[in-house]
Amino acid sequence: MVSVNGADDDGFPGEEAVDPDIEDSLLSRLRLIEDQPLESRADAYGQILETLRQRLDDGTEARRG
């Protein structure tokens, strides 16, 4: 988890604080995926990847604009 001062638990600065609700939601989704048959996991992980990529892109655009 990332602390309020922008450094994560490893002490690396430059990362923004993570909303605990978002983090809990992601962890819940990952646990559900792990319970699925192996054949279904790749698609589910791909969906999470696309969701995270979109959030990252949206944040990058907001900072530029």
N, C-alpha and C. Protein backbone atom coordinates (compact mmCIF):
# COMPACT_ATOMS: atom_id res chain seq x y z
N MET A 1 0.84 -1.18 0.00
CA MET A 1 0.00 0.00 0.00
C MET A 1 0.88 1.24 0.00
N VAL A 2 0.38 2.28 -0.57
CA VAL A 2 1.12 3.53 -0.67
C VAL A 2 0.67 4.44 0.46
N SER A 3 1.61 5.10 1.09
CA SER A 3 1.29 5.99 2.19
C SER A 3 0.83 7.34 1.68
N VAL A 4 0.34 8.15 2.59
CA VAL A 4 -0.17 9.47 2.25
C VAL A 4 0.94 10.38 1.73
N ASN A 5 2.16 10.19 2.19
CA ASN A 5 3.25 11.08 1.76
C ASN A 5 3.78 10.75 0.38
N GLY A 6 3.21 9.74 -0.27
CA GLY A 6 3.61 9.43 -1.63
C GLY A 6 4.66 8.36 -1.75
N ALA A 7 5.12 7.81 -0.64
CA ALA A 7 6.09 6.72 -0.69
C ALA A 7 5.37 5.43 -0.34
N ASP A 8 5.66 4.38 -1.09
CA ASP A 8 5.01 3.11 -0.80
C ASP A 8 5.72 2.43 0.36
N ASP A 9 5.24 1.25 0.72
CA ASP A 9 5.80 0.52 1.86
C ASP A 9 7.28 0.23 1.69
N ASP A 10 7.76 0.20 0.45
CA ASP A 10 9.17 -0.05 0.20
C ASP A 10 10.00 1.23 0.25
N GLY A 11 9.33 2.37 0.45
CA GLY A 11 10.04 3.64 0.55
C GLY A 11 10.29 4.32 -0.77
N PHE A 12 9.67 3.85 -1.85
CA PHE A 12 9.86 4.47 -3.15
C PHE A 12 8.90 5.64 -3.30
N PRO A 13 9.42 6.84 -3.49
CA PRO A 13 8.55 8.01 -3.65
C PRO A 13 7.97 8.09 -5.06
N GLY A 14 7.03 8.99 -5.22
CA GLY A 14 6.51 9.29 -6.55
C GLY A 14 5.23 8.59 -6.90
N GLU A 15 4.72 7.76 -6.03
CA GLU A 15 3.45 7.10 -6.29
C GLU A 15 2.37 7.78 -5.47
N GLU A 16 1.19 7.88 -6.04
CA GLU A 16 0.08 8.52 -5.35
C GLU A 16 -0.55 7.54 -4.37
N ALA A 17 -1.23 8.08 -3.38
CA ALA A 17 -1.93 7.24 -2.40
C ALA A 17 -3.01 6.44 -3.10
N VAL A 18 -3.19 5.20 -2.67
CA VAL A 18 -4.18 4.31 -3.25
C VAL A 18 -5.44 4.35 -2.40
N ASP A 19 -6.57 4.52 -3.05
CA ASP A 19 -7.86 4.48 -2.36
C ASP A 19 -8.08 3.06 -1.85
N PRO A 20 -8.28 2.89 -0.55
CA PRO A 20 -8.45 1.54 0.01
C PRO A 20 -9.63 0.78 -0.61
N ASP A 21 -10.69 1.49 -0.99
CA ASP A 21 -11.85 0.82 -1.61
C ASP A 21 -11.48 0.24 -2.96
N ILE A 22 -10.69 0.98 -3.73
CA ILE A 22 -10.26 0.49 -5.04
C ILE A 22 -9.33 -0.70 -4.87
N GLU A 23 -8.42 -0.60 -3.92
CA GLU A 23 -7.49 -1.69 -3.66
C GLU A 23 -8.24 -2.95 -3.23
N ASP A 24 -9.22 -2.79 -2.33
CA ASP A 24 -10.01 -3.94 -1.87
C ASP A 24 -10.80 -4.55 -3.02
N SER A 25 -11.33 -3.70 -3.90
CA SER A 25 -12.09 -4.19 -5.05
C SER A 25 -11.20 -5.00 -5.98
N LEU A 26 -10.00 -4.51 -6.24
CA LEU A 26 -9.07 -5.22 -7.11
C LEU A 26 -8.69 -6.56 -6.49
N LEU A 27 -8.38 -6.56 -5.22
CA LEU A 27 -8.01 -7.81 -4.55
C LEU A 27 -9.15 -8.81 -4.57
N SER A 28 -10.37 -8.34 -4.41
CA SER A 28 -11.53 -9.23 -4.48
C SER A 28 -11.67 -9.84 -5.86
N ARG A 29 -11.49 -9.02 -6.89
CA ARG A 29 -11.57 -9.53 -8.26
C ARG A 29 -10.47 -10.56 -8.53
N LEU A 30 -9.27 -10.30 -8.04
CA LEU A 30 -8.17 -11.24 -8.25
C LEU A 30 -8.44 -12.57 -7.54
N ARG A 31 -9.01 -12.52 -6.36
CA ARG A 31 -9.34 -13.76 -5.64
C ARG A 31 -10.39 -14.56 -6.41
N LEU A 32 -11.37 -13.87 -6.96
CA LEU A 32 -12.40 -14.56 -7.75
C LEU A 32 -11.79 -15.23 -8.98
N ILE A 33 -10.87 -14.54 -9.62
CA ILE A 33 -10.21 -15.10 -10.81
C ILE A 33 -9.43 -16.35 -10.43
N GLU A 34 -8.72 -16.30 -9.32
CA GLU A 34 -7.92 -17.45 -8.91
C GLU A 34 -8.77 -18.68 -8.64
N ASP A 35 -10.04 -18.48 -8.32
CA ASP A 35 -10.94 -19.60 -8.06
C ASP A 35 -11.53 -20.18 -9.35
N GLN A 36 -11.31 -19.52 -10.48
CA GLN A 36 -11.86 -19.98 -11.75
C GLN A 36 -10.96 -21.06 -12.35
N PRO A 37 -11.53 -21.86 -13.25
CA PRO A 37 -10.70 -22.83 -13.98
C PRO A 37 -9.61 -22.10 -14.76
N LEU A 38 -8.52 -22.77 -14.96
CA LEU A 38 -7.35 -22.18 -15.62
C LEU A 38 -7.71 -21.55 -16.97
N GLU A 39 -8.56 -22.21 -17.73
CA GLU A 39 -8.92 -21.72 -19.07
C GLU A 39 -9.61 -20.35 -19.03
N SER A 40 -10.29 -20.04 -17.94
CA SER A 40 -11.03 -18.78 -17.82
C SER A 40 -10.17 -17.63 -17.30
N ARG A 41 -9.08 -17.95 -16.67
CA ARG A 41 -8.28 -16.93 -16.00
C ARG A 41 -7.67 -15.90 -16.95
N ALA A 42 -7.16 -16.32 -18.07
CA ALA A 42 -6.49 -15.39 -18.99
C ALA A 42 -7.44 -14.28 -19.42
N ASP A 43 -8.66 -14.63 -19.79
CA ASP A 43 -9.63 -13.61 -20.20
C ASP A 43 -9.95 -12.66 -19.05
N ALA A 44 -10.11 -13.21 -17.86
CA ALA A 44 -10.44 -12.38 -16.71
C ALA A 44 -9.28 -11.44 -16.36
N TYR A 45 -8.05 -11.96 -16.41
CA TYR A 45 -6.90 -11.09 -16.16
C TYR A 45 -6.79 -10.02 -17.25
N GLY A 46 -7.12 -10.38 -18.47
CA GLY A 46 -7.09 -9.41 -19.56
C GLY A 46 -8.08 -8.28 -19.34
N GLN A 47 -9.24 -8.60 -18.80
CA GLN A 47 -10.24 -7.57 -18.50
C GLN A 47 -9.74 -6.62 -17.41
N ILE A 48 -9.11 -7.18 -16.40
CA ILE A 48 -8.55 -6.33 -15.35
C ILE A 48 -7.45 -5.44 -15.92
N LEU A 49 -6.62 -6.00 -16.77
CA LEU A 49 -5.55 -5.23 -17.39
C LEU A 49 -6.12 -4.04 -18.17
N GLU A 50 -7.15 -4.29 -18.94
CA GLU A 50 -7.76 -3.20 -19.72
C GLU A 50 -8.37 -2.14 -18.81
N THR A 51 -9.01 -2.56 -17.73
CA THR A 51 -9.59 -1.61 -16.77
C THR A 51 -8.50 -0.74 -16.15
N LEU A 52 -7.41 -1.37 -15.72
CA LEU A 52 -6.32 -0.62 -15.11
C LEU A 52 -5.64 0.30 -16.12
N ARG A 53 -5.48 -0.18 -17.35
CA ARG A 53 -4.88 0.64 -18.40
C ARG A 53 -5.74 1.87 -18.67
N GLN A 54 -7.05 1.70 -18.71
CA GLN A 54 -7.95 2.82 -18.95
C GLN A 54 -7.87 3.83 -17.82
N ARG A 55 -7.84 3.36 -16.58
CA ARG A 55 -7.72 4.27 -15.44
C ARG A 55 -6.41 5.04 -15.49
N LEU A 56 -5.35 4.36 -15.85
CA LEU A 56 -4.05 5.01 -15.95
C LEU A 56 -4.07 6.07 -17.06
N ASP A 57 -4.62 5.71 -18.20
CA ASP A 57 -4.71 6.67 -19.32
C ASP A 57 -5.57 7.86 -18.95
N ASP A 58 -6.68 7.62 -18.26
CA ASP A 58 -7.56 8.71 -17.85
C ASP A 58 -6.85 9.66 -16.89
N GLY A 59 -6.08 9.11 -15.97
CA GLY A 59 -5.33 9.93 -15.03
C GLY A 59 -4.23 10.73 -15.70
N THR A 60 -3.58 10.11 -16.68
CA THR A 60 -2.52 10.80 -17.42
C THR A 60 -3.10 11.96 -18.21
N GLU A 61 -4.23 11.74 -18.85
CA GLU A 61 -4.87 12.80 -19.64
C GLU A 61 -5.33 13.93 -18.74
N ALA A 62 -5.84 13.60 -17.54
CA ALA A 62 -6.31 14.63 -16.62
C ALA A 62 -5.16 15.52 -16.16
N ARG A 63 -3.98 14.92 -15.95
CA ARG A 63 -2.82 15.71 -15.52
C ARG A 63 -2.29 16.59 -16.63
N ARG A 64 -2.42 16.13 -17.87
CA ARG A 64 -1.94 16.92 -19.02
C ARG A 64 -2.85 18.11 -19.29
N GLY A 65 -4.15 17.88 -19.14
CA GLY A 65 -5.14 18.87 -19.52
C GLY A 65 -5.29 19.92 -18.54
